[in-house]
Amino acid sequence: MKILFFFFHFALVSQLSHATNIKEQAQQYAVQLKFDKSILLLHPIIASSHSSDLEKYEAYYEKYQIYKLLYNYSEAVYNLDLARKYGIKTALKNQLIIRHELELLLVACEKTDYVLIAESADKIHAIKKKPLQERDFAILIFLEAIVLMEQKQTDLERAQTLLDQSIDLLKIHEPQYLPIVFRTKIRLHILLDQGQKVWESYLQGIQYAKQFNRVTYSIDLHRSMSDYQKSIGNFKKSIELSKVILESVTLYNPTRIGSELKYLENDLKEKHSKLVLETRRQKTYVIILIVVSLASIIVILIMVLRKRRKKIACIEQQNVDLRLNLENLFNAETSDDQTNKENSYSYTLTNRQKEIIELVKKNKSNKQIAKELFISENTVKYHLKIIYELLNVHKRTDL
């Protein structure tokens, strides 16, 4: 039993380890901007009926991250919702539901829809009361800082404290999200009229965006800094940054990459559908072949059994006929022996002795025989003694 448990545990760990390796490889491809290779790695996990709900959750979550980096927020949210669909089936249900809500608000942040985040203040406060992982807590207080920034006459210093706390936690748990936070810090420093800190936050954000090759985050940071430089009258710097943005967008071309990925995904889905259809067809053929084979075997067995039954019936009939023939032969031989015996006796017995034998066969006593034949009883006994000797018998019943 322990051996079976060991092998089962080993198989489960191996499967999870394999899925983790695929996830990490897909993330590496995403960092290298090889999104097509990430999709090719993730698709088998999503398409396979043997993948666990948690594995499918992680695959869809990685796809969400990919499409978010391509500004394709509708496709990103679609994959995030699919991730939630499988996440709620796992033991991590509550944690993943919270993560889903936080990620939706992060998408709003990346789309600069700060009004939506401000309107979600009650939801953010409700989530804060729940047990959270440090990574999720870092994102939560980041969103909370945005809510404070959007409220009029609010404590912006409190927002700055929350952003700093979020940065410290994200450096440990999710550093690739740091460019988003530093972009928000740029907004905060602008509100606080802290020009030098605006520049510092911009440079820090660019540093992390380059470290994790987040081109879209770099573009967003450039755009925020360009708008700021324009607002303070530094048009030259604003134009320089605008050129950088244009070059990055042209080189990166997220729209083209997003279209190529959708084409790739559709092609993979079509091939998978054909494969599933072909597999079902083959299974159907195999089932039909098995059914036909079983039916043929059953028919053959029935024919063999019928033939065997006929053979057995024939043998039994032959045995009956043989037994009857033997009985008839035996009876005939017995009858012939009796006839021959009687004929042979007829040559040695006298008429008187024959009469006595017939009367004995009629169960007559010696006295009755003597009376009927008008002889003495001793004479009857004398004749019987001679009869026993001639016929080689020992008692009356043998006659």
Protein backbone atom coordinates (compact mmCIF):
# COMPACT_ATOMS: atom_id res chain seq x y z
CA MET A 1 0.00 0.00 0.00
CA LYS A 2 2.83 2.40 0.90
CA ILE A 3 4.54 1.60 -2.41
CA LEU A 4 1.36 2.45 -4.36
CA PHE A 5 1.00 5.71 -2.44
CA PHE A 6 4.65 6.55 -3.18
CA PHE A 7 4.25 5.99 -6.92
CA PHE A 8 0.96 7.96 -6.99
CA HIS A 9 2.58 10.85 -5.10
CA PHE A 10 5.62 10.72 -7.41
CA ALA A 11 3.41 10.81 -10.52
CA LEU A 12 1.41 13.76 -9.15
CA VAL A 13 4.53 15.73 -8.23
CA SER A 14 6.04 14.98 -11.65
CA GLN A 15 2.92 16.23 -13.41
CA LEU A 16 2.84 19.46 -11.36
CA SER A 17 6.57 19.93 -11.86
CA HIS A 18 6.14 19.53 -15.64
CA ALA A 19 3.32 22.09 -15.67
CA THR A 20 5.42 24.52 -13.59
CA ASN A 21 8.32 24.15 -16.01
CA ILE A 22 6.03 24.94 -18.94
CA LYS A 23 4.68 28.00 -17.12
CA GLU A 24 8.19 29.29 -16.37
CA GLN A 25 9.30 28.68 -19.97
CA ALA A 26 6.23 30.55 -21.24
CA GLN A 27 7.09 33.49 -18.96
CA GLN A 28 10.67 33.52 -20.28
CA TYR A 29 9.40 33.61 -23.86
CA ALA A 30 7.12 36.52 -22.91
CA VAL A 31 10.10 38.44 -21.48
CA GLN A 32 11.90 37.78 -24.77
CA LEU A 33 8.78 39.04 -26.61
CA LYS A 34 8.40 35.61 -28.22
CA PHE A 35 4.69 35.57 -27.49
CA ASP A 36 3.94 33.02 -30.22
CA LYS A 37 6.17 30.45 -28.49
CA SER A 38 4.42 31.17 -25.19
CA ILE A 39 1.04 30.50 -26.81
CA LEU A 40 2.36 27.27 -28.37
CA LEU A 41 3.49 26.10 -24.93
CA LEU A 42 0.28 27.06 -23.16
CA HIS A 43 -2.18 25.75 -25.74
CA PRO A 44 -1.66 21.98 -25.01
CA ILE A 45 -2.36 22.61 -21.30
CA ILE A 46 -5.58 24.41 -22.13
CA ALA A 47 -6.66 21.88 -24.77
CA SER A 48 -5.83 18.74 -22.80
CA SER A 49 -8.59 17.05 -20.82
CA HIS A 50 -5.89 15.68 -18.50
CA SER A 51 -4.77 19.13 -17.29
CA SER A 52 -5.90 20.04 -13.79
CA ASP A 53 -8.09 23.07 -13.11
CA LEU A 54 -5.14 24.83 -11.47
CA GLU A 55 -2.93 24.16 -14.51
CA LYS A 56 -5.58 25.59 -16.81
CA TYR A 57 -5.99 28.58 -14.52
CA GLU A 58 -2.28 29.34 -14.71
CA ALA A 59 -2.24 28.87 -18.51
CA TYR A 60 -5.12 31.31 -19.04
CA TYR A 61 -3.55 33.72 -16.54
CA GLU A 62 -0.32 33.75 -18.55
CA LYS A 63 -2.32 34.45 -21.71
CA TYR A 64 -4.00 37.33 -19.87
CA GLN A 65 -0.59 38.79 -19.11
CA ILE A 66 0.51 38.41 -22.74
CA TYR A 67 -2.50 40.20 -24.24
CA LYS A 68 -2.29 42.93 -21.62
CA LEU A 69 1.27 43.65 -22.78
CA LEU A 70 -0.10 44.07 -26.30
CA TYR A 71 -2.74 46.65 -25.28
CA ASN A 72 -5.39 44.10 -26.25
CA TYR A 73 -7.35 44.58 -23.04
CA SER A 74 -10.56 42.93 -24.25
CA GLU A 75 -8.72 39.69 -25.05
CA ALA A 76 -6.76 40.01 -21.82
CA VAL A 77 -9.94 40.28 -19.71
CA TYR A 78 -11.49 37.40 -21.69
CA ASN A 79 -8.58 35.13 -20.71
CA LEU A 80 -8.63 36.45 -17.15
CA ASP A 81 -12.31 35.47 -16.88
CA LEU A 82 -11.49 32.00 -18.25
CA ALA A 83 -8.74 31.73 -15.64
CA ARG A 84 -11.30 32.56 -12.94
CA LYS A 85 -13.65 29.88 -14.33
CA TYR A 86 -11.08 27.19 -13.56
CA GLY A 87 -9.67 28.89 -10.47
CA ILE A 88 -12.96 28.67 -8.57
CA LYS A 89 -12.83 24.88 -8.98
CA THR A 90 -9.57 24.62 -7.06
CA ALA A 91 -8.68 24.62 -3.37
CA LEU A 92 -7.36 28.18 -3.90
CA LYS A 93 -10.82 29.40 -4.90
CA ASN A 94 -11.10 32.36 -2.47
CA GLN A 95 -7.56 33.58 -3.12
CA LEU A 96 -7.96 33.41 -6.90
CA ILE A 97 -11.33 35.21 -6.85
CA ILE A 98 -9.68 38.10 -5.00
CA ARG A 99 -6.80 38.09 -7.48
CA HIS A 100 -9.27 38.22 -10.36
CA GLU A 101 -10.96 41.34 -8.90
CA LEU A 102 -7.61 43.03 -8.30
CA GLU A 103 -6.37 42.25 -11.80
CA LEU A 104 -9.53 43.74 -13.33
CA LEU A 105 -8.80 46.97 -11.47
CA LEU A 106 -5.16 46.81 -12.63
CA VAL A 107 -6.40 46.64 -16.21
CA ALA A 108 -8.45 49.77 -15.53
CA CYS A 109 -5.28 51.40 -14.17
CA GLU A 110 -3.26 50.50 -17.26
CA LYS A 111 -6.06 51.94 -19.39
CA THR A 112 -5.85 55.06 -17.17
CA ASP A 113 -9.48 54.58 -16.20
CA TYR A 114 -8.90 56.01 -12.73
CA VAL A 115 -12.55 56.98 -12.35
CA LEU A 116 -13.55 53.30 -12.41
CA ILE A 117 -10.97 52.57 -9.70
CA ALA A 118 -12.29 55.44 -7.57
CA GLU A 119 -15.82 54.11 -7.98
CA SER A 120 -14.57 50.71 -6.74
CA ALA A 121 -13.44 52.15 -3.40
CA ASP A 122 -15.99 50.13 -1.42
CA LYS A 123 -14.91 46.92 -3.15
CA ILE A 124 -11.25 47.70 -2.41
CA HIS A 125 -12.01 48.30 1.27
CA ALA A 126 -14.05 45.06 1.41
CA ILE A 127 -11.16 43.09 -0.08
CA LYS A 128 -8.77 44.64 2.43
CA LYS A 129 -10.68 42.96 5.26
CA LYS A 130 -10.00 39.50 3.79
CA PRO A 131 -6.85 37.43 4.34
CA LEU A 132 -4.45 38.33 1.53
CA GLN A 133 -1.09 37.19 0.26
CA GLU A 134 1.59 39.88 0.33
CA ARG A 135 1.59 40.10 -3.47
CA ASP A 136 -2.17 40.77 -3.52
CA PHE A 137 -1.90 43.15 -0.58
CA ALA A 138 0.75 45.16 -2.46
CA ILE A 139 -1.61 45.57 -5.43
CA LEU A 140 -4.50 46.40 -3.10
CA ILE A 141 -2.74 49.28 -1.36
CA PHE A 142 -1.52 50.50 -4.76
CA LEU A 143 -5.17 50.71 -5.87
CA GLU A 144 -6.10 52.29 -2.57
CA ALA A 145 -3.52 55.02 -3.24
CA ILE A 146 -5.15 55.69 -6.63
CA VAL A 147 -8.54 56.04 -4.92
CA LEU A 148 -7.05 58.63 -2.54
CA MET A 149 -5.48 60.51 -5.48
CA GLU A 150 -8.84 60.66 -7.29
CA GLN A 151 -10.71 62.02 -4.28
CA LYS A 152 -10.84 65.77 -3.88
CA GLN A 153 -9.11 67.40 -0.89
CA THR A 154 -7.56 64.09 0.12
CA ASP A 155 -4.35 63.27 1.99
CA LEU A 156 -1.86 62.81 -0.85
CA GLU A 157 0.90 62.12 1.63
CA ARG A 158 -1.06 59.02 2.70
CA ALA A 159 -1.26 57.99 -0.98
CA GLN A 160 2.50 58.40 -1.29
CA THR A 161 3.06 56.20 1.79
CA LEU A 162 0.82 53.49 0.33
CA LEU A 163 2.67 53.61 -3.00
CA ASP A 164 6.04 53.27 -1.25
CA GLN A 165 4.76 50.28 0.74
CA SER A 166 3.40 48.72 -2.44
CA ILE A 167 6.76 49.20 -4.20
CA ASP A 168 8.65 47.52 -1.34
CA LEU A 169 6.36 44.48 -1.47
CA LEU A 170 6.27 44.25 -5.26
CA LYS A 171 10.07 44.29 -5.44
CA ILE A 172 9.87 40.93 -3.63
CA HIS A 173 6.74 39.34 -5.07
CA GLU A 174 5.88 40.89 -8.48
CA PRO A 175 8.66 43.26 -9.66
CA GLN A 176 7.41 43.27 -13.27
CA TYR A 177 4.41 45.33 -12.04
CA LEU A 178 6.67 48.10 -10.68
CA PRO A 179 6.59 50.25 -13.86
CA ILE A 180 2.81 50.60 -13.40
CA VAL A 181 3.29 51.83 -9.83
CA PHE A 182 6.06 54.28 -10.79
CA ARG A 183 3.83 55.66 -13.51
CA THR A 184 1.24 56.37 -10.82
CA LYS A 185 3.95 57.93 -8.65
CA ILE A 186 4.70 60.30 -11.54
CA ARG A 187 1.07 61.45 -11.38
CA LEU A 188 1.28 61.83 -7.62
CA HIS A 189 4.48 63.89 -7.74
CA ILE A 190 2.90 66.09 -10.40
CA LEU A 191 -0.05 66.68 -8.05
CA LEU A 192 2.40 67.48 -5.24
CA ASP A 193 4.45 69.70 -7.61
CA GLN A 194 7.60 67.63 -7.01
CA GLY A 195 9.39 67.99 -10.34
CA GLN A 196 12.60 66.25 -9.33
CA LYS A 197 10.72 63.25 -7.93
CA VAL A 198 8.69 63.05 -11.16
CA TRP A 199 11.94 62.52 -13.05
CA GLU A 200 13.24 60.01 -10.47
CA SER A 201 10.05 57.94 -10.62
CA TYR A 202 10.19 58.01 -14.41
CA LEU A 203 13.79 56.72 -14.46
CA GLN A 204 13.04 53.99 -11.89
CA GLY A 205 10.00 52.85 -13.84
CA ILE A 206 12.00 52.73 -17.10
CA GLN A 207 14.71 50.71 -15.33
CA TYR A 208 12.23 47.99 -14.26
CA ALA A 209 10.45 48.05 -17.62
CA LYS A 210 13.77 47.39 -19.38
CA GLN A 211 14.76 44.74 -16.83
CA PHE A 212 11.62 42.70 -17.60
CA ASN A 213 11.42 43.87 -21.23
CA ARG A 214 7.98 45.39 -20.72
CA VAL A 215 7.88 47.54 -23.86
CA THR A 216 4.31 48.70 -23.33
CA TYR A 217 5.14 49.86 -19.80
CA SER A 218 8.12 51.81 -21.19
CA ILE A 219 5.84 53.42 -23.77
CA ASP A 220 3.33 54.38 -21.06
CA LEU A 221 6.09 55.89 -18.91
CA HIS A 222 7.46 57.86 -21.88
CA ARG A 223 3.95 59.09 -22.63
CA SER A 224 3.40 60.22 -19.03
CA MET A 225 6.75 62.04 -18.97
CA SER A 226 6.10 63.60 -22.39
CA ASP A 227 2.75 64.96 -21.20
CA TYR A 228 4.40 66.33 -18.06
CA GLN A 229 7.21 68.03 -20.02
CA LYS A 230 4.62 69.57 -22.29
CA SER A 231 2.60 70.80 -19.32
CA ILE A 232 5.62 72.63 -17.85
CA GLY A 233 6.57 74.16 -21.21
CA ASN A 234 9.52 71.92 -22.03
CA PHE A 235 8.34 71.22 -25.57
CA LYS A 236 11.71 70.06 -26.79
CA LYS A 237 11.90 67.25 -24.26
CA SER A 238 8.25 66.43 -24.90
CA ILE A 239 8.93 66.09 -28.65
CA GLU A 240 12.00 63.92 -28.00
CA LEU A 241 9.95 61.59 -25.86
CA SER A 242 7.16 61.54 -28.45
CA LYS A 243 9.68 60.39 -31.06
CA VAL A 244 10.85 57.65 -28.71
CA ILE A 245 7.23 56.57 -28.25
CA LEU A 246 6.65 56.52 -32.01
CA GLU A 247 9.80 54.50 -32.65
CA SER A 248 8.91 52.03 -29.89
CA VAL A 249 5.35 51.57 -31.12
CA THR A 250 6.53 51.15 -34.72
CA LEU A 251 9.23 48.66 -33.77
CA TYR A 252 7.16 46.76 -31.24
CA ASN A 253 3.87 47.01 -33.19
CA PRO A 254 1.60 45.44 -30.53
CA THR A 255 -1.42 45.55 -32.86
CA ARG A 256 0.33 43.40 -35.47
CA ILE A 257 1.62 40.96 -32.84
CA GLY A 258 -1.83 40.73 -31.28
CA SER A 259 -3.39 39.94 -34.67
CA GLU A 260 -0.76 37.30 -35.36
CA LEU A 261 -1.37 35.69 -31.99
CA LYS A 262 -5.12 35.56 -32.58
CA TYR A 263 -4.50 33.97 -35.97
CA LEU A 264 -2.15 31.46 -34.31
CA GLU A 265 -4.69 30.67 -31.61
CA ASN A 266 -7.49 30.20 -34.13
CA ASP A 267 -5.24 27.91 -36.16
CA LEU A 268 -4.37 25.88 -33.06
CA LYS A 269 -8.04 25.63 -32.08
CA GLU A 270 -8.97 24.49 -35.59
CA LYS A 271 -6.23 21.87 -35.61
CA HIS A 272 -7.26 20.72 -32.15
CA SER A 273 -10.90 20.46 -33.23
CA LYS A 274 -9.88 18.38 -36.24
CA LEU A 275 -7.70 16.21 -34.03
CA VAL A 276 -10.54 15.70 -31.55
CA LEU A 277 -12.92 14.87 -34.42
CA GLU A 278 -10.43 12.43 -35.94
CA THR A 279 -9.81 10.85 -32.53
CA ARG A 280 -13.55 10.41 -31.99
CA ARG A 281 -13.88 8.93 -35.48
CA GLN A 282 -11.06 6.48 -34.79
CA LYS A 283 -12.60 5.58 -31.43
CA THR A 284 -15.90 4.98 -33.21
CA TYR A 285 -14.18 2.72 -35.75
CA VAL A 286 -12.44 0.82 -32.95
CA ILE A 287 -15.72 0.42 -31.06
CA ILE A 288 -17.47 -0.80 -34.22
CA LEU A 289 -14.62 -3.22 -34.90
CA ILE A 290 -14.77 -4.51 -31.32
CA VAL A 291 -18.56 -4.91 -31.49
CA VAL A 292 -18.37 -6.72 -34.84
CA SER A 293 -15.56 -8.94 -33.55
CA LEU A 294 -17.50 -9.78 -30.39
CA ALA A 295 -20.64 -10.46 -32.43
CA SER A 296 -18.64 -12.75 -34.74
CA ILE A 297 -17.14 -14.58 -31.78
CA ILE A 298 -20.59 -14.99 -30.22
CA VAL A 299 -22.03 -16.33 -33.50
CA ILE A 300 -19.11 -18.77 -33.85
CA LEU A 301 -19.53 -19.90 -30.24
CA ILE A 302 -23.27 -20.40 -30.78
CA MET A 303 -22.59 -22.46 -33.93
CA VAL A 304 -19.94 -24.51 -32.10
CA LEU A 305 -22.29 -25.09 -29.18
CA ARG A 306 -25.12 -26.12 -31.49
CA LYS A 307 -22.82 -28.47 -33.36
CA ARG A 308 -21.57 -29.88 -30.09
CA ARG A 309 -25.09 -30.35 -28.81
CA LYS A 310 -26.04 -32.18 -32.02
CA LYS A 311 -22.97 -34.35 -31.71
CA ILE A 312 -23.74 -35.11 -28.08
CA ALA A 313 -27.36 -35.90 -28.97
CA CYS A 314 -26.18 -38.17 -31.77
CA ILE A 315 -23.74 -39.96 -29.44
CA GLU A 316 -26.46 -40.34 -26.81
CA GLN A 317 -28.83 -41.77 -29.42
CA GLN A 318 -26.11 -44.14 -30.59
CA ASN A 319 -25.56 -45.20 -26.97
CA VAL A 320 -29.28 -45.80 -26.56
CA ASP A 321 -29.41 -47.82 -29.76
CA LEU A 322 -26.30 -49.76 -28.72
CA ARG A 323 -27.75 -50.47 -25.30
CA LEU A 324 -31.02 -51.66 -26.88
CA ASN A 325 -29.11 -53.86 -29.30
CA LEU A 326 -27.08 -55.34 -26.45
CA GLU A 327 -30.24 -55.95 -24.42
CA ASN A 328 -31.93 -57.60 -27.39
CA LEU A 329 -28.85 -59.69 -28.08
CA PHE A 330 -28.59 -60.67 -24.42
CA ASN A 331 -32.28 -61.58 -24.26
CA ALA A 332 -31.98 -63.59 -27.44
CA GLU A 333 -28.95 -65.47 -26.13
CA THR A 334 -30.69 -66.09 -22.78
CA SER A 335 -33.77 -67.35 -24.56
CA ASP A 336 -31.66 -69.63 -26.75
CA ASP A 337 -29.76 -70.93 -23.73
CA GLN A 338 -32.97 -71.62 -21.88
CA THR A 339 -34.44 -73.36 -24.90
CA ASN A 340 -31.28 -75.38 -25.44
CA LYS A 341 -31.16 -76.19 -21.74
CA GLU A 342 -34.75 -77.31 -21.72
CA ASN A 343 -34.17 -79.33 -24.90
CA SER A 344 -31.10 -80.93 -23.41
CA TYR A 345 -32.99 -81.69 -20.25
CA SER A 346 -35.79 -83.19 -22.26
CA TYR A 347 -33.43 -85.94 -23.40
CA THR A 348 -32.43 -86.95 -19.86
CA LEU A 349 -35.58 -86.40 -17.78
CA THR A 350 -38.40 -88.89 -17.67
CA ASN A 351 -41.96 -87.87 -18.28
CA ARG A 352 -42.72 -88.30 -14.57
CA GLN A 353 -39.82 -86.01 -13.66
CA LYS A 354 -40.99 -83.44 -16.17
CA GLU A 355 -44.45 -83.50 -14.61
CA ILE A 356 -42.97 -82.98 -11.15
CA ILE A 357 -40.90 -80.01 -12.42
CA GLU A 358 -44.00 -78.35 -13.88
CA LEU A 359 -45.91 -78.84 -10.62
CA VAL A 360 -42.94 -77.40 -8.61
CA LYS A 361 -42.99 -74.35 -10.88
CA LYS A 362 -46.67 -73.99 -9.89
CA ASN A 363 -45.54 -73.82 -6.26
CA LYS A 364 -47.05 -77.23 -5.40
CA SER A 365 -45.77 -78.95 -2.28
CA ASN A 366 -44.44 -82.51 -2.27
CA LYS A 367 -47.62 -83.72 -0.67
CA GLN A 368 -49.81 -81.99 -3.28
CA ILE A 369 -47.63 -83.34 -6.11
CA ALA A 370 -47.87 -86.88 -4.69
CA LYS A 371 -51.64 -86.65 -4.40
CA GLU A 372 -52.04 -85.25 -7.91
CA LEU A 373 -49.77 -87.90 -9.50
CA PHE A 374 -51.12 -90.73 -7.33
CA ILE A 375 -47.70 -91.52 -5.94
CA SER A 376 -46.20 -91.40 -2.51
CA GLU A 377 -44.49 -88.36 -1.07
CA ASN A 378 -41.21 -90.30 -0.77
CA THR A 379 -41.36 -91.05 -4.47
CA VAL A 380 -41.70 -87.31 -5.16
CA LYS A 381 -38.63 -86.61 -3.03
CA TYR A 382 -36.71 -89.32 -4.80
CA HIS A 383 -37.55 -87.82 -8.21
CA LEU A 384 -36.61 -84.31 -7.03
CA LYS A 385 -33.21 -85.54 -5.85
CA ILE A 386 -32.54 -86.98 -9.29
CA ILE A 387 -33.84 -83.80 -10.95
CA TYR A 388 -31.47 -81.58 -8.83
CA GLU A 389 -28.55 -83.76 -9.84
CA LEU A 390 -29.46 -83.76 -13.53
CA LEU A 391 -30.13 -80.04 -13.71
CA ASN A 392 -27.30 -79.15 -11.34
CA VAL A 393 -29.53 -77.04 -9.04
CA HIS A 394 -29.85 -77.00 -5.27
CA LYS A 395 -33.38 -75.82 -4.51
CA ARG A 396 -36.90 -75.78 -5.86
CA THR A 397 -36.85 -72.11 -6.84
CA ASP A 398 -34.01 -72.80 -9.29
CA LEU A 399 -36.24 -75.05 -11.38
